[in-house]
Amino acid sequence: MRAMMPAAARAEENGMNLEYEPLANAWVRLEPLEDRHKVELSAAIGDPRDTLKFSPSPQLHRDGFEAFIDWQREQAAAGRWLPYAVIFEGRAVGQTSYINPRDYDAGVEIGGTWYGASVRGGPVNPSCKLLMLRHAYACGAERVELKTDADNAQSRAAILKLGAQFEGIHRRHMRRPWGGWRDTAWYSILRDEWPAVEAKLEARLAAL
């Protein structure tokens, strides 16, 4: 773990210094991904080929879900992918991650997100996004990116519901492990847009 310092000082000194640490609010707890989460996550995901059918990960499609978790932890050790287990009502029910943090440019992607069928549509996703976004901006982010397969209508609708801005389609952006190419839809939330997005998320959660 990186040594803690006030977020304002981090932002002024380094642009962004994203801490990889547990995060929690009244609904969920996000824990840095560890081996001990495998059993509950494997139970929550059901059939990975269905739950993660849009994932472009060759590790997942070639080697299976547990190997995909191992790969994520290797990426975390290198600082390229900061994966979390999503804990709801005392058990791991999904995952979300910071991807490709760029301290100098003060940008990061939130992605690698999935939830078990039993917790979709409730407070889990908006509360996770509230935690992840709030932490990123507190650590000095100027831009948070979200992207998804252009064919994933459900994910695209959920990102727009957050209040993220659609930036366009990157055509033939990634190779699909099962064959063919993925066009990727890109979205972002900038620091000056965050207060409105934060208020919208808080209102959604208060209404549940």
N, C-alpha and C. Protein backbone atom coordinates (compact mmCIF):
# COMPACT_ATOMS: atom_id res chain seq x y z
N MET A 1 0.84 -1.19 0.00
CA MET A 1 0.00 0.00 0.00
C MET A 1 0.88 1.26 0.00
N ARG A 2 0.43 2.27 -0.73
CA ARG A 2 1.16 3.53 -0.73
C ARG A 2 0.87 4.30 0.56
N ALA A 3 1.86 5.07 1.00
CA ALA A 3 1.67 5.88 2.20
C ALA A 3 0.58 6.91 1.95
N MET A 4 -0.27 7.10 2.95
CA MET A 4 -1.39 8.03 2.81
C MET A 4 -0.91 9.47 3.01
N MET A 5 -1.49 10.39 2.24
CA MET A 5 -1.32 11.81 2.44
C MET A 5 -2.62 12.48 2.01
N PRO A 6 -2.89 13.71 2.45
CA PRO A 6 -4.16 14.35 2.10
C PRO A 6 -4.37 14.38 0.59
N ALA A 7 -5.62 14.16 0.18
CA ALA A 7 -5.93 14.08 -1.25
C ALA A 7 -5.54 15.35 -1.98
N ALA A 8 -5.80 16.51 -1.37
CA ALA A 8 -5.46 17.77 -2.04
C ALA A 8 -3.96 17.89 -2.28
N ALA A 9 -3.17 17.45 -1.31
CA ALA A 9 -1.71 17.49 -1.48
C ALA A 9 -1.26 16.52 -2.55
N ARG A 10 -1.89 15.33 -2.59
CA ARG A 10 -1.55 14.36 -3.63
C ARG A 10 -1.82 14.94 -5.01
N ALA A 11 -3.02 15.55 -5.15
CA ALA A 11 -3.41 16.07 -6.45
C ALA A 11 -2.44 17.16 -6.91
N GLU A 12 -2.06 18.06 -5.99
CA GLU A 12 -1.17 19.16 -6.34
C GLU A 12 0.23 18.66 -6.67
N GLU A 13 0.70 17.65 -5.93
CA GLU A 13 2.07 17.20 -6.10
C GLU A 13 2.24 16.24 -7.27
N ASN A 14 1.30 15.32 -7.45
CA ASN A 14 1.50 14.22 -8.39
C ASN A 14 0.43 14.09 -9.45
N GLY A 15 -0.56 14.95 -9.48
CA GLY A 15 -1.65 14.78 -10.42
C GLY A 15 -2.69 13.83 -9.85
N MET A 16 -2.36 12.57 -9.73
CA MET A 16 -3.24 11.58 -9.10
C MET A 16 -2.37 10.53 -8.44
N ASN A 17 -2.78 10.08 -7.28
CA ASN A 17 -2.09 9.01 -6.58
C ASN A 17 -3.16 8.08 -6.02
N LEU A 18 -3.57 7.12 -6.82
CA LEU A 18 -4.74 6.30 -6.52
C LEU A 18 -4.38 5.22 -5.51
N GLU A 19 -4.95 5.32 -4.32
CA GLU A 19 -4.71 4.34 -3.27
C GLU A 19 -5.53 3.07 -3.53
N TYR A 20 -4.86 1.92 -3.45
CA TYR A 20 -5.55 0.63 -3.58
C TYR A 20 -5.78 0.11 -2.17
N GLU A 21 -6.98 0.35 -1.67
CA GLU A 21 -7.29 0.09 -0.27
C GLU A 21 -8.77 -0.26 -0.15
N PRO A 22 -9.19 -0.87 0.96
CA PRO A 22 -10.62 -1.16 1.14
C PRO A 22 -11.45 0.13 1.12
N LEU A 23 -12.64 0.01 0.55
CA LEU A 23 -13.58 1.13 0.48
C LEU A 23 -14.93 0.64 0.98
N ALA A 24 -15.67 1.48 1.68
CA ALA A 24 -16.96 1.02 2.21
C ALA A 24 -17.92 2.19 2.37
N ASN A 25 -19.21 1.88 2.23
CA ASN A 25 -20.27 2.81 2.58
C ASN A 25 -21.39 2.01 3.25
N ALA A 26 -22.57 2.56 3.34
CA ALA A 26 -23.65 1.90 4.08
C ALA A 26 -24.16 0.66 3.38
N TRP A 27 -23.84 0.47 2.11
CA TRP A 27 -24.41 -0.64 1.34
C TRP A 27 -23.39 -1.74 1.05
N VAL A 28 -22.20 -1.37 0.65
CA VAL A 28 -21.23 -2.37 0.21
C VAL A 28 -19.85 -2.08 0.79
N ARG A 29 -19.01 -3.10 0.74
CA ARG A 29 -17.60 -2.96 1.07
C ARG A 29 -16.81 -3.51 -0.12
N LEU A 30 -15.82 -2.77 -0.56
CA LEU A 30 -14.94 -3.20 -1.64
C LEU A 30 -13.60 -3.60 -1.03
N GLU A 31 -13.22 -4.85 -1.22
CA GLU A 31 -11.97 -5.38 -0.67
C GLU A 31 -11.01 -5.70 -1.80
N PRO A 32 -9.74 -5.27 -1.71
CA PRO A 32 -8.77 -5.68 -2.71
C PRO A 32 -8.82 -7.19 -2.91
N LEU A 33 -8.84 -7.61 -4.16
CA LEU A 33 -9.07 -9.01 -4.50
C LEU A 33 -7.97 -9.91 -3.96
N GLU A 34 -8.38 -11.00 -3.29
CA GLU A 34 -7.45 -11.98 -2.74
C GLU A 34 -7.94 -13.38 -3.08
N ASP A 35 -7.04 -14.36 -2.88
CA ASP A 35 -7.41 -15.76 -3.14
C ASP A 35 -8.63 -16.19 -2.34
N ARG A 36 -8.76 -15.65 -1.13
CA ARG A 36 -9.86 -16.08 -0.25
C ARG A 36 -11.23 -15.72 -0.82
N HIS A 37 -11.29 -14.83 -1.80
CA HIS A 37 -12.56 -14.45 -2.40
C HIS A 37 -13.02 -15.44 -3.48
N LYS A 38 -12.14 -16.33 -3.91
CA LYS A 38 -12.44 -17.17 -5.07
C LYS A 38 -13.70 -18.00 -4.90
N VAL A 39 -13.86 -18.62 -3.74
CA VAL A 39 -14.98 -19.54 -3.54
C VAL A 39 -16.31 -18.80 -3.68
N GLU A 40 -16.45 -17.69 -2.97
CA GLU A 40 -17.72 -16.96 -3.02
C GLU A 40 -17.95 -16.33 -4.40
N LEU A 41 -16.91 -15.83 -5.03
CA LEU A 41 -17.07 -15.26 -6.35
C LEU A 41 -17.44 -16.32 -7.38
N SER A 42 -16.84 -17.50 -7.26
CA SER A 42 -17.17 -18.59 -8.18
C SER A 42 -18.63 -19.00 -8.04
N ALA A 43 -19.14 -18.95 -6.80
CA ALA A 43 -20.55 -19.28 -6.57
C ALA A 43 -21.46 -18.17 -7.11
N ALA A 44 -21.04 -16.92 -6.95
CA ALA A 44 -21.88 -15.79 -7.35
C ALA A 44 -21.99 -15.65 -8.86
N ILE A 45 -20.94 -16.00 -9.58
CA ILE A 45 -20.91 -15.69 -11.00
C ILE A 45 -21.80 -16.60 -11.83
N GLY A 46 -22.12 -17.78 -11.31
CA GLY A 46 -22.89 -18.72 -12.11
C GLY A 46 -22.06 -19.22 -13.27
N ASP A 47 -22.60 -19.14 -14.48
CA ASP A 47 -21.85 -19.52 -15.68
C ASP A 47 -21.08 -18.31 -16.18
N PRO A 48 -19.75 -18.30 -16.05
CA PRO A 48 -18.98 -17.12 -16.48
C PRO A 48 -19.19 -16.79 -17.95
N ARG A 49 -19.48 -17.81 -18.76
CA ARG A 49 -19.66 -17.56 -20.20
C ARG A 49 -20.93 -16.76 -20.46
N ASP A 50 -21.86 -16.78 -19.50
CA ASP A 50 -23.07 -15.97 -19.61
C ASP A 50 -22.88 -14.62 -18.92
N THR A 51 -22.47 -14.64 -17.64
CA THR A 51 -22.32 -13.40 -16.88
C THR A 51 -21.28 -12.48 -17.51
N LEU A 52 -20.19 -13.05 -18.02
CA LEU A 52 -19.11 -12.26 -18.61
C LEU A 52 -19.02 -12.48 -20.12
N LYS A 53 -20.17 -12.62 -20.75
CA LYS A 53 -20.16 -12.97 -22.17
C LYS A 53 -19.56 -11.88 -23.05
N PHE A 54 -19.52 -10.64 -22.55
CA PHE A 54 -18.93 -9.56 -23.34
C PHE A 54 -17.47 -9.28 -22.96
N SER A 55 -16.92 -10.02 -22.00
CA SER A 55 -15.54 -9.76 -21.58
C SER A 55 -14.56 -10.09 -22.70
N PRO A 56 -13.61 -9.17 -22.98
CA PRO A 56 -12.61 -9.45 -24.00
C PRO A 56 -11.39 -10.19 -23.47
N SER A 57 -11.44 -10.67 -22.21
CA SER A 57 -10.26 -11.28 -21.59
C SER A 57 -9.93 -12.64 -22.19
N PRO A 58 -8.76 -12.79 -22.81
CA PRO A 58 -8.37 -14.12 -23.29
C PRO A 58 -8.12 -15.09 -22.15
N GLN A 59 -7.67 -14.59 -20.98
CA GLN A 59 -7.43 -15.48 -19.84
C GLN A 59 -8.72 -16.15 -19.41
N LEU A 60 -9.80 -15.38 -19.34
CA LEU A 60 -11.09 -15.92 -18.92
C LEU A 60 -11.57 -16.98 -19.90
N HIS A 61 -11.53 -16.67 -21.16
CA HIS A 61 -12.10 -17.58 -22.15
C HIS A 61 -11.21 -18.78 -22.42
N ARG A 62 -9.92 -18.62 -22.22
CA ARG A 62 -8.99 -19.73 -22.47
C ARG A 62 -8.81 -20.62 -21.25
N ASP A 63 -8.69 -20.01 -20.06
CA ASP A 63 -8.26 -20.76 -18.88
C ASP A 63 -9.30 -20.87 -17.78
N GLY A 64 -10.39 -20.10 -17.86
CA GLY A 64 -11.43 -20.21 -16.84
C GLY A 64 -11.41 -19.07 -15.83
N PHE A 65 -12.45 -19.04 -14.99
CA PHE A 65 -12.67 -17.90 -14.10
C PHE A 65 -11.59 -17.78 -13.03
N GLU A 66 -11.19 -18.87 -12.40
CA GLU A 66 -10.19 -18.77 -11.33
C GLU A 66 -8.85 -18.29 -11.89
N ALA A 67 -8.51 -18.73 -13.10
CA ALA A 67 -7.29 -18.25 -13.73
C ALA A 67 -7.39 -16.75 -14.04
N PHE A 68 -8.58 -16.30 -14.37
CA PHE A 68 -8.81 -14.88 -14.62
C PHE A 68 -8.58 -14.07 -13.35
N ILE A 69 -9.02 -14.60 -12.20
CA ILE A 69 -8.75 -13.93 -10.92
C ILE A 69 -7.25 -13.87 -10.65
N ASP A 70 -6.55 -14.97 -10.90
CA ASP A 70 -5.09 -14.99 -10.71
C ASP A 70 -4.42 -13.93 -11.58
N TRP A 71 -4.87 -13.83 -12.81
CA TRP A 71 -4.29 -12.84 -13.73
C TRP A 71 -4.54 -11.43 -13.22
N GLN A 72 -5.75 -11.15 -12.71
CA GLN A 72 -6.04 -9.83 -12.17
C GLN A 72 -5.11 -9.48 -11.01
N ARG A 73 -4.83 -10.45 -10.15
CA ARG A 73 -3.96 -10.20 -9.01
C ARG A 73 -2.52 -9.95 -9.46
N GLU A 74 -2.10 -10.62 -10.52
CA GLU A 74 -0.78 -10.34 -11.09
C GLU A 74 -0.72 -8.91 -11.63
N GLN A 75 -1.79 -8.49 -12.28
CA GLN A 75 -1.84 -7.12 -12.79
C GLN A 75 -1.85 -6.10 -11.66
N ALA A 76 -2.52 -6.45 -10.54
CA ALA A 76 -2.54 -5.56 -9.38
C ALA A 76 -1.14 -5.36 -8.82
N ALA A 77 -0.37 -6.44 -8.77
CA ALA A 77 1.00 -6.35 -8.26
C ALA A 77 1.85 -5.41 -9.11
N ALA A 78 1.50 -5.32 -10.40
CA ALA A 78 2.23 -4.44 -11.31
C ALA A 78 1.62 -3.04 -11.37
N GLY A 79 0.49 -2.82 -10.69
CA GLY A 79 -0.14 -1.51 -10.67
C GLY A 79 -0.96 -1.17 -11.89
N ARG A 80 -1.25 -2.18 -12.74
CA ARG A 80 -1.98 -1.90 -13.98
C ARG A 80 -3.49 -2.09 -13.85
N TRP A 81 -3.90 -2.92 -12.91
CA TRP A 81 -5.31 -3.28 -12.76
C TRP A 81 -5.53 -3.47 -11.27
N LEU A 82 -6.44 -2.71 -10.68
CA LEU A 82 -6.65 -2.75 -9.23
C LEU A 82 -8.03 -3.34 -8.96
N PRO A 83 -8.12 -4.67 -8.83
CA PRO A 83 -9.42 -5.35 -8.75
C PRO A 83 -9.94 -5.44 -7.32
N TYR A 84 -11.25 -5.33 -7.19
CA TYR A 84 -11.93 -5.45 -5.91
C TYR A 84 -12.96 -6.58 -5.94
N ALA A 85 -13.13 -7.22 -4.80
CA ALA A 85 -14.30 -8.06 -4.56
C ALA A 85 -15.37 -7.18 -3.93
N VAL A 86 -16.59 -7.29 -4.44
CA VAL A 86 -17.72 -6.52 -3.92
C VAL A 86 -18.41 -7.35 -2.84
N ILE A 87 -18.42 -6.83 -1.62
CA ILE A 87 -19.01 -7.53 -0.48
C ILE A 87 -20.36 -6.89 -0.14
N PHE A 88 -21.41 -7.70 -0.17
CA PHE A 88 -22.76 -7.23 0.14
C PHE A 88 -23.41 -8.23 1.08
N GLU A 89 -23.88 -7.73 2.20
CA GLU A 89 -24.50 -8.58 3.23
C GLU A 89 -23.57 -9.73 3.63
N GLY A 90 -22.27 -9.40 3.75
CA GLY A 90 -21.30 -10.33 4.29
C GLY A 90 -20.70 -11.33 3.33
N ARG A 91 -21.03 -11.24 2.04
CA ARG A 91 -20.45 -12.20 1.10
C ARG A 91 -20.06 -11.50 -0.20
N ALA A 92 -19.12 -12.11 -0.91
CA ALA A 92 -18.67 -11.57 -2.18
C ALA A 92 -19.70 -11.87 -3.26
N VAL A 93 -20.18 -10.82 -3.93
CA VAL A 93 -21.26 -10.98 -4.91
C VAL A 93 -20.86 -10.49 -6.30
N GLY A 94 -19.64 -10.01 -6.46
CA GLY A 94 -19.22 -9.52 -7.76
C GLY A 94 -17.85 -8.87 -7.68
N GLN A 95 -17.50 -8.19 -8.76
CA GLN A 95 -16.20 -7.54 -8.85
C GLN A 95 -16.32 -6.19 -9.55
N THR A 96 -15.39 -5.32 -9.26
CA THR A 96 -15.19 -4.10 -10.02
C THR A 96 -13.73 -3.70 -9.87
N SER A 97 -13.22 -2.86 -10.77
CA SER A 97 -11.78 -2.59 -10.79
C SER A 97 -11.48 -1.17 -11.26
N TYR A 98 -10.34 -0.66 -10.80
CA TYR A 98 -9.69 0.46 -11.47
C TYR A 98 -8.72 -0.14 -12.48
N ILE A 99 -8.73 0.40 -13.69
CA ILE A 99 -7.90 -0.14 -14.76
C ILE A 99 -7.03 0.98 -15.34
N ASN A 100 -5.77 0.66 -15.54
CA ASN A 100 -4.82 1.57 -16.18
C ASN A 100 -4.78 2.95 -15.53
N PRO A 101 -4.50 3.03 -14.23
CA PRO A 101 -4.37 4.35 -13.60
C PRO A 101 -3.17 5.10 -14.16
N ARG A 102 -3.39 6.35 -14.50
CA ARG A 102 -2.35 7.18 -15.11
C ARG A 102 -2.15 8.40 -14.22
N ASP A 103 -1.20 8.28 -13.29
CA ASP A 103 -1.02 9.32 -12.28
C ASP A 103 -0.71 10.68 -12.90
N TYR A 104 0.20 10.71 -13.85
CA TYR A 104 0.62 12.00 -14.42
C TYR A 104 -0.55 12.70 -15.12
N ASP A 105 -1.34 11.92 -15.86
CA ASP A 105 -2.48 12.47 -16.59
C ASP A 105 -3.75 12.53 -15.77
N ALA A 106 -3.69 12.00 -14.54
CA ALA A 106 -4.83 12.06 -13.61
C ALA A 106 -6.08 11.41 -14.18
N GLY A 107 -5.89 10.23 -14.79
CA GLY A 107 -7.02 9.51 -15.37
C GLY A 107 -7.01 8.05 -15.00
N VAL A 108 -8.19 7.42 -15.01
CA VAL A 108 -8.31 6.00 -14.70
C VAL A 108 -9.63 5.50 -15.28
N GLU A 109 -9.67 4.22 -15.59
CA GLU A 109 -10.91 3.58 -16.02
C GLU A 109 -11.52 2.80 -14.87
N ILE A 110 -12.83 2.81 -14.74
CA ILE A 110 -13.55 1.88 -13.88
C ILE A 110 -14.17 0.83 -14.79
N GLY A 111 -13.85 -0.43 -14.54
CA GLY A 111 -14.36 -1.49 -15.41
C GLY A 111 -14.18 -2.85 -14.77
N GLY A 112 -14.23 -3.88 -15.62
CA GLY A 112 -14.13 -5.24 -15.11
C GLY A 112 -15.23 -5.55 -14.11
N THR A 113 -16.41 -4.95 -14.32
CA THR A 113 -17.49 -5.03 -13.34
C THR A 113 -18.50 -6.10 -13.70
N TRP A 114 -18.85 -6.90 -12.72
CA TRP A 114 -19.96 -7.86 -12.86
C TRP A 114 -20.56 -8.12 -11.48
N TYR A 115 -21.82 -8.53 -11.48
CA TYR A 115 -22.51 -8.86 -10.24
C TYR A 115 -23.31 -10.14 -10.43
N GLY A 116 -23.44 -10.91 -9.35
CA GLY A 116 -24.29 -12.08 -9.38
C GLY A 116 -25.74 -11.70 -9.64
N ALA A 117 -26.48 -12.63 -10.22
CA ALA A 117 -27.86 -12.34 -10.63
C ALA A 117 -28.73 -11.87 -9.46
N SER A 118 -28.47 -12.36 -8.26
CA SER A 118 -29.34 -12.06 -7.12
C SER A 118 -29.25 -10.62 -6.64
N VAL A 119 -28.20 -9.88 -7.04
CA VAL A 119 -28.03 -8.51 -6.54
C VAL A 119 -28.13 -7.46 -7.65
N ARG A 120 -28.49 -7.87 -8.84
CA ARG A 120 -28.63 -6.90 -9.92
C ARG A 120 -29.93 -6.12 -9.75
N GLY A 121 -29.86 -4.84 -10.08
CA GLY A 121 -31.05 -4.01 -10.03
C GLY A 121 -31.33 -3.36 -8.69
N GLY A 122 -30.50 -3.62 -7.68
CA GLY A 122 -30.67 -3.02 -6.35
C GLY A 122 -29.62 -1.97 -6.08
N PRO A 123 -29.18 -1.87 -4.82
CA PRO A 123 -28.24 -0.81 -4.44
C PRO A 123 -26.78 -1.12 -4.76
N VAL A 124 -26.47 -2.35 -5.15
CA VAL A 124 -25.06 -2.74 -5.24
C VAL A 124 -24.32 -1.94 -6.31
N ASN A 125 -24.82 -1.89 -7.53
CA ASN A 125 -24.07 -1.19 -8.57
C ASN A 125 -23.96 0.31 -8.31
N PRO A 126 -25.06 1.03 -8.02
CA PRO A 126 -24.89 2.47 -7.77
C PRO A 126 -24.02 2.78 -6.56
N SER A 127 -24.08 1.94 -5.52
CA SER A 127 -23.24 2.20 -4.34
C SER A 127 -21.77 1.92 -4.64
N CYS A 128 -21.50 0.91 -5.47
CA CYS A 128 -20.11 0.67 -5.89
C CYS A 128 -19.58 1.83 -6.72
N LYS A 129 -20.38 2.30 -7.67
CA LYS A 129 -19.94 3.41 -8.51
C LYS A 129 -19.71 4.66 -7.67
N LEU A 130 -20.57 4.90 -6.68
CA LEU A 130 -20.39 6.05 -5.80
C LEU A 130 -19.06 5.95 -5.06
N LEU A 131 -18.74 4.78 -4.53
CA LEU A 131 -17.48 4.58 -3.82
C LEU A 131 -16.28 4.77 -4.74
N MET A 132 -16.32 4.12 -5.90
CA MET A 132 -15.17 4.14 -6.80
C MET A 132 -14.92 5.54 -7.35
N LEU A 133 -15.98 6.21 -7.76
CA LEU A 133 -15.82 7.56 -8.30
C LEU A 133 -15.36 8.53 -7.23
N ARG A 134 -16.00 8.48 -6.07
CA ARG A 134 -15.63 9.39 -4.98
C ARG A 134 -14.15 9.21 -4.61
N HIS A 135 -13.70 7.97 -4.52
CA HIS A 135 -12.31 7.71 -4.15
C HIS A 135 -11.36 8.21 -5.24
N ALA A 136 -11.70 7.97 -6.50
CA ALA A 136 -10.83 8.41 -7.59
C ALA A 136 -10.64 9.92 -7.57
N TYR A 137 -11.72 10.66 -7.41
CA TYR A 137 -11.59 12.13 -7.40
C TYR A 137 -10.89 12.62 -6.14
N ALA A 138 -11.11 11.94 -5.01
CA ALA A 138 -10.40 12.31 -3.78
C ALA A 138 -8.90 12.11 -3.93
N CYS A 139 -8.50 11.15 -4.77
CA CYS A 139 -7.08 10.87 -5.00
C CYS A 139 -6.50 11.71 -6.13
N GLY A 140 -7.28 12.63 -6.67
CA GLY A 140 -6.74 13.56 -7.65
C GLY A 140 -7.13 13.33 -9.09
N ALA A 141 -8.06 12.42 -9.37
CA ALA A 141 -8.45 12.16 -10.76
C ALA A 141 -9.10 13.39 -11.37
N GLU A 142 -8.81 13.61 -12.64
CA GLU A 142 -9.49 14.63 -13.43
C GLU A 142 -10.48 14.00 -14.40
N ARG A 143 -10.25 12.74 -14.73
CA ARG A 143 -11.08 12.05 -15.73
C ARG A 143 -11.22 10.59 -15.32
N VAL A 144 -12.46 10.11 -15.29
CA VAL A 144 -12.73 8.69 -15.09
C VAL A 144 -13.42 8.16 -16.34
N GLU A 145 -12.89 7.08 -16.87
CA GLU A 145 -13.42 6.50 -18.10
C GLU A 145 -14.23 5.25 -17.78
N LEU A 146 -15.24 5.01 -18.60
CA LEU A 146 -15.98 3.76 -18.58
C LEU A 146 -16.15 3.34 -20.03
N LYS A 147 -15.95 2.08 -20.31
CA LYS A 147 -16.14 1.64 -21.68
C LYS A 147 -16.74 0.24 -21.69
N THR A 148 -17.37 -0.10 -22.81
CA THR A 148 -18.04 -1.38 -22.90
C THR A 148 -18.16 -1.78 -24.36
N ASP A 149 -18.44 -3.05 -24.58
CA ASP A 149 -18.71 -3.54 -25.93
C ASP A 149 -19.88 -2.75 -26.51
N ALA A 150 -19.73 -2.27 -27.72
CA ALA A 150 -20.79 -1.48 -28.34
C ALA A 150 -22.08 -2.29 -28.50
N ASP A 151 -21.98 -3.61 -28.50
CA ASP A 151 -23.18 -4.47 -28.60
C ASP A 151 -23.86 -4.72 -27.26
N ASN A 152 -23.25 -4.26 -26.16
CA ASN A 152 -23.79 -4.53 -24.82
C ASN A 152 -24.75 -3.40 -24.44
N ALA A 153 -25.99 -3.53 -24.88
CA ALA A 153 -26.98 -2.47 -24.68
C ALA A 153 -27.27 -2.23 -23.20
N GLN A 154 -27.29 -3.29 -22.40
CA GLN A 154 -27.59 -3.14 -20.97
C GLN A 154 -26.51 -2.34 -20.27
N SER A 155 -25.25 -2.64 -20.56
CA SER A 155 -24.15 -1.91 -19.94
C SER A 155 -24.13 -0.46 -20.40
N ARG A 156 -24.38 -0.22 -21.66
CA ARG A 156 -24.37 1.15 -22.17
C ARG A 156 -25.47 1.98 -21.51
N ALA A 157 -26.64 1.39 -21.32
CA ALA A 157 -27.73 2.11 -20.65
C ALA A 157 -27.38 2.42 -19.20
N ALA A 158 -26.73 1.47 -18.52
CA ALA A 158 -26.35 1.69 -17.12
C ALA A 158 -25.32 2.80 -16.98
N ILE A 159 -24.38 2.88 -17.92
CA ILE A 159 -23.36 3.93 -17.87
C ILE A 159 -23.99 5.30 -18.10
N LEU A 160 -24.90 5.39 -19.06
CA LEU A 160 -25.58 6.65 -19.30
C LEU A 160 -26.43 7.06 -18.10
N LYS A 161 -27.03 6.08 -17.42
CA LYS A 161 -27.85 6.37 -16.24
C LYS A 161 -27.01 7.01 -15.13
N LEU A 162 -25.73 6.68 -15.08
CA LEU A 162 -24.83 7.31 -14.11
C LEU A 162 -24.70 8.81 -14.34
N GLY A 163 -24.80 9.20 -15.59
CA GLY A 163 -24.54 10.59 -15.95
C GLY A 163 -23.24 10.77 -16.71
N ALA A 164 -22.61 9.66 -17.12
CA ALA A 164 -21.38 9.75 -17.90
C ALA A 164 -21.69 10.26 -19.31
N GLN A 165 -20.71 10.89 -19.92
CA GLN A 165 -20.86 11.45 -21.26
C GLN A 165 -20.34 10.47 -22.30
N PHE A 166 -21.15 10.22 -23.32
CA PHE A 166 -20.75 9.34 -24.42
C PHE A 166 -19.74 10.06 -25.30
N GLU A 167 -18.63 9.38 -25.59
CA GLU A 167 -17.55 10.01 -26.37
C GLU A 167 -17.39 9.43 -27.76
N GLY A 168 -18.07 8.33 -28.04
CA GLY A 168 -17.97 7.76 -29.37
C GLY A 168 -17.60 6.29 -29.36
N ILE A 169 -17.44 5.74 -30.55
CA ILE A 169 -17.13 4.33 -30.74
C ILE A 169 -15.72 4.20 -31.32
N HIS A 170 -14.90 3.38 -30.68
CA HIS A 170 -13.62 2.98 -31.26
C HIS A 170 -13.86 1.70 -32.05
N ARG A 171 -13.80 1.79 -33.34
CA ARG A 171 -14.11 0.65 -34.19
C ARG A 171 -12.96 -0.36 -34.20
N ARG A 172 -13.37 -1.63 -34.21
CA ARG A 172 -12.39 -2.73 -34.23
C ARG A 172 -11.29 -2.48 -33.20
N HIS A 173 -11.71 -2.19 -31.98
CA HIS A 173 -10.81 -1.75 -30.92
C HIS A 173 -10.10 -2.90 -30.24
N MET A 174 -10.80 -4.03 -30.06
CA MET A 174 -10.21 -5.16 -29.34
C MET A 174 -10.62 -6.46 -30.04
N ARG A 175 -9.71 -7.41 -29.97
CA ARG A 175 -10.01 -8.73 -30.52
C ARG A 175 -10.90 -9.51 -29.55
N ARG A 176 -11.95 -10.12 -30.04
CA ARG A 176 -12.79 -10.97 -29.20
C ARG A 176 -12.17 -12.36 -29.12
N PRO A 177 -11.97 -12.88 -27.91
CA PRO A 177 -11.31 -14.19 -27.78
C PRO A 177 -12.05 -15.31 -28.49
N TRP A 178 -13.37 -15.17 -28.65
CA TRP A 178 -14.16 -16.22 -29.30
C TRP A 178 -14.26 -16.01 -30.81
N GLY A 179 -13.59 -14.96 -31.29
CA GLY A 179 -13.56 -14.71 -32.73
C GLY A 179 -14.14 -13.36 -33.10
N GLY A 180 -13.56 -12.73 -34.09
CA GLY A 180 -14.04 -11.43 -34.55
C GLY A 180 -13.48 -10.28 -33.73
N TRP A 181 -14.08 -9.12 -33.93
CA TRP A 181 -13.57 -7.89 -33.34
C TRP A 181 -14.66 -7.17 -32.56
N ARG A 182 -14.24 -6.49 -31.52
CA ARG A 182 -15.15 -5.69 -30.70
C ARG A 182 -15.01 -4.22 -31.04
N ASP A 183 -16.13 -3.57 -31.29
CA ASP A 183 -16.20 -2.12 -31.29
C ASP A 183 -16.49 -1.68 -29.86
N THR A 184 -15.80 -0.66 -29.38
CA THR A 184 -15.92 -0.26 -27.98
C THR A 184 -16.55 1.12 -27.85
N ALA A 185 -17.59 1.21 -27.01
CA ALA A 185 -18.24 2.49 -26.70
C ALA A 185 -17.53 3.11 -25.50
N TRP A 186 -17.12 4.37 -25.64
CA TRP A 186 -16.37 5.08 -24.61
C TRP A 186 -17.23 6.16 -23.96
N TYR A 187 -17.05 6.29 -22.64
CA TYR A 187 -17.76 7.28 -21.84
C TYR A 187 -16.77 7.87 -20.83
N SER A 188 -17.09 9.05 -20.32
CA SER A 188 -16.22 9.63 -19.29
C SER A 188 -17.02 10.54 -18.37
N ILE A 189 -16.45 10.76 -17.18
CA ILE A 189 -16.94 11.74 -16.23
C ILE A 189 -15.74 12.59 -15.82
N LEU A 190 -15.81 13.89 -16.03
CA LEU A 190 -14.72 14.79 -15.66
C LEU A 190 -14.93 15.33 -14.26
N ARG A 191 -13.86 15.82 -13.67
CA ARG A 191 -13.92 16.30 -12.28
C ARG A 191 -15.03 17.34 -12.08
N ASP A 192 -15.17 18.28 -13.02
CA ASP A 192 -16.18 19.32 -12.82
C ASP A 192 -17.60 18.81 -13.05
N GLU A 193 -17.74 17.61 -13.63
CA GLU A 193 -19.05 16.98 -13.79
C GLU A 193 -19.42 16.10 -12.60
N TRP A 194 -18.44 15.79 -11.79
CA TRP A 194 -18.63 14.84 -10.70
C TRP A 194 -19.68 15.27 -9.68
N PRO A 195 -19.73 16.53 -9.21
CA PRO A 195 -20.74 16.87 -8.21
C PRO A 195 -22.17 16.54 -8.63
N ALA A 196 -22.51 16.79 -9.90
CA ALA A 196 -23.86 16.47 -10.38
C ALA A 196 -24.08 14.97 -10.43
N VAL A 197 -23.07 14.22 -10.87
CA VAL A 197 -23.18 12.76 -10.91
C VAL A 197 -23.30 12.20 -9.50
N GLU A 198 -22.50 12.74 -8.57
CA GLU A 198 -22.55 12.29 -7.18
C GLU A 198 -23.95 12.51 -6.59
N ALA A 199 -24.52 13.68 -6.82
CA ALA A 199 -25.85 13.98 -6.29
C ALA A 199 -26.90 13.03 -6.87
N LYS A 200 -26.75 12.71 -8.15
CA LYS A 200 -27.69 11.80 -8.80
C LYS A 200 -27.60 10.39 -8.21
N LEU A 201 -26.38 9.92 -7.97
CA LEU A 201 -26.20 8.60 -7.36
C LEU A 201 -26.75 8.57 -5.94
N GLU A 202 -26.49 9.61 -5.18
CA GLU A 202 -27.00 9.66 -3.81
C GLU A 202 -28.53 9.65 -3.79
N ALA A 203 -29.15 10.36 -4.74
CA ALA A 203 -30.61 10.38 -4.81
C ALA A 203 -31.17 9.01 -5.19
N ARG A 204 -30.50 8.32 -6.11
CA ARG A 204 -30.93 6.96 -6.47
C ARG A 204 -30.90 6.03 -5.27
N LEU A 205 -29.82 6.10 -4.51
CA LEU A 205 -29.68 5.22 -3.35
C LEU A 205 -30.67 5.58 -2.25
N ALA A 206 -30.93 6.86 -2.06
CA ALA A 206 -31.89 7.27 -1.04
C ALA A 206 -33.30 6.80 -1.36
N ALA A 207 -33.58 6.60 -2.65
CA ALA A 207 -34.91 6.18 -3.07
C ALA A 207 -35.13 4.67 -2.95
N LEU A 208 -34.07 3.91 -2.70
CA LEU A 208 -34.20 2.45 -2.61
C LEU A 208 -34.72 2.02 -1.24
